Amino acid sequence: MSTKEYKVVHMFTQSESSTGFNIGCEILTSSNCDEVTSCPWRVIDQCCPYLVTGCALLVNNVFYWTRADKHGNSLDYDLILALDLEEENFRTIRLPNPSSYDEENYMFLVELRGFLCLVDNFAIPPMMNIWMLKDANNITWVKEYSIRFDILDGFDDVYTIVTPLFYHNEEIIVYSNQDSLHYYNFEKESFRRGKRLNM
């Protein structure tokens, strides 16, 4: 996919039965558009094998979704769905085996340093493990970071949800429902508070 080419992905329900959904996928490619009003959608041959959550994560021209139930809620994190925008096909990726999948854990997908990551927030003890997909072809996950929350200023183990946003200058920038961002330094194993957010 060229740098001046854009693709729009649309999932749609082709049919529904007692056993599940038949989900189609169509793609609009900007390079095929003569005018704004004449952009043809192409239905790809492969159907989407699972219901997915509404928000996809784009990493290196691949969309990633977590599986969803019929109400759109995330299912247990056993696998994720990937759509390669170059090949225009789906595949599933098994997730790593964190030390515990617990109902108290809060897990989600992010992109850091150009890699797909699974963030696993533990309630007990309060900490975050970040698993990085180092090799998407061979499905090689590495637990790249572990961050303790008890050293985060203002952290509340009931109400605070910590979300990593960016990796910059050997620090991970996180949002934690507070009035400023925090920066975690791996060498010092400590957080520093950033400027106040105007929210």
Protein backbone atom coordinates (compact mmCIF):
# COMPACT_ATOMS: atom_id res chain seq x y z
CA MET A 1 0.00 0.00 0.00
CA SER A 2 1.57 3.29 -1.12
CA THR A 3 1.94 6.26 1.21
CA LYS A 4 -0.70 8.16 -0.79
CA GLU A 5 -3.19 5.31 -0.78
CA TYR A 6 -5.89 4.97 1.85
CA LYS A 7 -8.19 2.07 2.60
CA VAL A 8 -11.52 2.09 4.39
CA VAL A 9 -12.76 -1.19 5.87
CA HIS A 10 -16.44 -1.91 6.39
CA MET A 11 -17.79 -5.00 8.16
CA PHE A 12 -21.41 -5.95 7.57
CA THR A 13 -23.76 -8.76 8.52
CA GLN A 14 -24.61 -10.88 5.48
CA SER A 15 -26.91 -13.21 7.38
CA GLU A 16 -27.78 -14.24 10.92
CA SER A 17 -28.89 -17.59 12.29
CA SER A 18 -29.22 -19.40 15.60
CA THR A 19 -25.61 -20.61 15.23
CA GLY A 20 -24.10 -17.18 14.68
CA PHE A 21 -23.42 -14.44 12.15
CA ASN A 22 -22.09 -14.49 8.59
CA ILE A 23 -19.98 -11.34 8.45
CA GLY A 24 -18.80 -9.85 5.18
CA CYS A 25 -16.01 -7.35 4.65
CA GLU A 26 -15.67 -4.73 1.94
CA ILE A 27 -12.79 -2.35 1.28
CA LEU A 28 -12.69 1.03 -0.41
CA THR A 29 -9.29 1.98 -1.86
CA SER A 30 -8.61 5.67 -2.51
CA SER A 31 -6.42 4.99 -5.56
CA ASN A 32 -9.47 3.48 -7.28
CA CYS A 33 -11.47 6.70 -6.88
CA ASP A 34 -11.90 9.03 -9.85
CA GLU A 35 -14.11 11.37 -7.87
CA VAL A 36 -15.41 11.47 -4.34
CA THR A 37 -18.75 10.14 -5.52
CA SER A 38 -17.35 7.23 -7.56
CA CYS A 39 -15.33 5.13 -5.15
CA PRO A 40 -16.26 1.47 -5.61
CA TRP A 41 -16.41 -0.89 -2.64
CA ARG A 42 -14.91 -4.36 -3.15
CA VAL A 43 -16.19 -7.29 -1.11
CA ILE A 44 -13.22 -9.52 -0.28
CA ASP A 45 -13.54 -13.28 -0.79
CA GLN A 46 -12.89 -14.22 2.83
CA CYS A 47 -15.61 -13.69 5.42
CA CYS A 48 -14.77 -12.31 8.85
CA PRO A 49 -14.65 -15.42 11.08
CA TYR A 50 -15.76 -13.73 14.31
CA LEU A 51 -17.79 -10.90 15.70
CA VAL A 52 -15.33 -8.19 16.72
CA THR A 53 -15.32 -5.12 18.94
CA GLY A 54 -16.05 -1.80 17.28
CA CYS A 55 -12.59 -0.26 17.54
CA ALA A 56 -9.69 -1.68 15.54
CA LEU A 57 -6.01 -0.98 16.14
CA LEU A 58 -3.84 -0.31 13.07
CA VAL A 59 -0.19 -1.43 13.27
CA ASN A 60 2.02 -1.66 10.17
CA ASN A 61 -0.90 -1.89 7.71
CA VAL A 62 -2.67 -4.58 9.74
CA PHE A 63 -5.93 -4.04 11.61
CA TYR A 64 -6.36 -5.90 14.91
CA TRP A 65 -9.58 -6.56 16.81
CA THR A 66 -10.54 -8.42 19.93
CA ARG A 67 -13.43 -10.86 19.64
CA ALA A 68 -16.87 -9.76 20.79
CA ASP A 69 -20.13 -11.36 21.83
CA LYS A 70 -23.43 -10.58 20.09
CA HIS A 71 -23.78 -7.41 22.17
CA GLY A 72 -20.37 -6.05 21.12
CA ASN A 73 -18.64 -6.75 24.44
CA SER A 74 -15.12 -8.18 24.47
CA LEU A 75 -14.79 -11.90 25.02
CA ASP A 76 -12.02 -13.54 27.02
CA TYR A 77 -8.62 -12.75 25.59
CA ASP A 78 -7.68 -16.05 23.97
CA LEU A 79 -7.10 -14.73 20.46
CA ILE A 80 -7.38 -11.62 18.33
CA LEU A 81 -8.38 -11.14 14.71
CA ALA A 82 -6.05 -9.55 12.16
CA LEU A 83 -6.83 -8.12 8.72
CA ASP A 84 -3.79 -7.57 6.50
CA LEU A 85 -4.52 -4.57 4.28
CA GLU A 86 -1.85 -5.61 1.76
CA GLU A 87 -3.08 -9.18 1.30
CA GLU A 88 -6.68 -8.33 2.22
CA ASN A 89 -7.21 -11.50 4.24
CA PHE A 90 -8.02 -12.42 7.83
CA ARG A 91 -6.09 -14.53 10.28
CA THR A 92 -6.22 -15.21 13.99
CA ILE A 93 -3.39 -14.69 16.46
CA ARG A 94 -3.11 -16.54 19.74
CA LEU A 95 -2.36 -14.29 22.66
CA PRO A 96 0.48 -14.86 25.12
CA ASN A 97 -0.05 -16.76 28.32
CA PRO A 98 0.13 -14.17 31.10
CA SER A 99 0.53 -15.52 34.60
CA SER A 100 -3.21 -15.23 35.16
CA TYR A 101 -6.29 -14.31 33.20
CA ASP A 102 -8.53 -13.03 35.95
CA GLU A 103 -11.85 -11.23 35.95
CA GLU A 104 -10.16 -8.44 37.90
CA ASN A 105 -7.60 -7.89 35.15
CA TYR A 106 -8.15 -5.17 32.54
CA MET A 107 -6.62 -6.10 29.18
CA PHE A 108 -6.52 -4.22 25.90
CA LEU A 109 -4.42 -3.70 22.76
CA VAL A 110 -2.10 -0.76 22.05
CA GLU A 111 0.72 0.10 19.66
CA LEU A 112 4.15 0.90 21.09
CA ARG A 113 7.42 1.33 19.16
CA GLY A 114 5.71 0.06 16.01
CA PHE A 115 4.63 -3.25 17.58
CA LEU A 116 1.26 -4.64 18.58
CA CYS A 117 1.08 -4.94 22.37
CA LEU A 118 -1.26 -6.59 24.84
CA VAL A 119 -1.57 -4.61 28.06
CA ASP A 120 -2.48 -6.72 31.09
CA ASN A 121 -3.37 -4.62 34.13
CA PHE A 122 -3.40 -6.62 37.35
CA ALA A 123 -5.53 -5.62 40.31
CA ILE A 124 -3.58 -7.75 42.80
CA PRO A 125 -0.78 -6.82 42.91
CA PRO A 126 -1.41 -3.47 41.18
CA MET A 127 0.85 -3.58 38.13
CA MET A 128 0.93 -3.60 34.34
CA ASN A 129 2.54 -6.19 32.10
CA ILE A 130 3.06 -5.22 28.46
CA TRP A 131 3.40 -8.13 26.02
CA MET A 132 4.88 -7.18 22.63
CA LEU A 133 4.32 -9.14 19.40
CA LYS A 134 7.92 -9.17 18.15
CA ASP A 135 7.28 -11.55 15.24
CA ALA A 136 3.78 -11.45 13.74
CA ASN A 137 4.48 -14.28 11.27
CA ASN A 138 5.63 -16.78 13.89
CA ILE A 139 3.43 -15.33 16.66
CA THR A 140 6.29 -14.54 19.03
CA TRP A 141 5.18 -12.60 22.11
CA VAL A 142 7.68 -11.15 24.59
CA LYS A 143 6.82 -9.66 27.99
CA GLU A 144 8.68 -6.42 27.33
CA TYR A 145 7.72 -4.31 30.34
CA SER A 146 6.37 -4.67 33.88
CA ILE A 147 5.33 -1.50 35.70
CA ARG A 148 4.26 -1.22 39.34
CA PHE A 149 1.30 1.04 40.00
CA ASP A 150 1.90 1.54 43.71
CA ILE A 151 4.62 4.08 42.85
CA LEU A 152 2.27 6.14 40.66
CA ASP A 153 1.26 9.36 42.40
CA GLY A 154 -2.51 9.50 42.90
CA PHE A 155 -3.09 5.85 41.98
CA ASP A 156 -6.28 4.29 43.34
CA ASP A 157 -6.59 0.53 42.86
CA VAL A 158 -10.38 0.80 42.52
CA TYR A 159 -10.90 3.79 40.23
CA THR A 160 -7.65 4.28 38.31
CA ILE A 161 -7.25 2.72 34.86
CA VAL A 162 -3.73 3.18 33.48
CA THR A 163 -3.37 3.32 29.69
CA PRO A 164 0.02 3.49 27.93
CA LEU A 165 -0.06 6.02 25.09
CA PHE A 166 3.42 6.44 23.60
CA TYR A 167 7.03 5.34 23.94
CA HIS A 168 9.47 8.26 23.75
CA ASN A 169 13.09 8.75 24.88
CA GLU A 170 13.19 5.54 26.93
CA GLU A 171 9.96 6.45 28.71
CA ILE A 172 6.39 5.26 28.40
CA ILE A 173 3.78 8.00 28.59
CA VAL A 174 0.65 6.86 30.41
CA TYR A 175 -2.79 8.29 31.08
CA SER A 176 -4.35 7.44 34.44
CA ASN A 177 -7.61 9.43 34.68
CA GLN A 178 -5.74 12.31 36.29
CA ASP A 179 -5.24 15.95 35.32
CA SER A 180 -1.80 15.27 33.83
CA LEU A 181 0.07 12.56 31.99
CA HIS A 182 2.78 10.53 33.69
CA TYR A 183 6.10 9.37 32.28
CA TYR A 184 7.58 6.06 33.39
CA ASN A 185 11.38 5.81 33.23
CA PHE A 186 12.64 2.23 32.96
CA GLU A 187 16.17 2.93 34.11
CA LYS A 188 15.01 4.72 37.25
CA GLU A 189 11.88 2.56 37.64
CA SER A 190 9.88 5.64 38.58
CA PHE A 191 7.14 7.96 37.31
CA ARG A 192 7.32 11.68 36.79
CA ARG A 193 4.29 13.92 36.36
CA GLY A 194 3.90 15.90 33.14
CA LYS A 195 2.24 19.23 32.51
CA ARG A 196 -1.35 19.74 33.56
CA LEU A 197 -3.87 18.76 30.89
CA ASN A 198 -6.42 21.35 29.80
CA MET A 199 -9.44 19.06 29.84
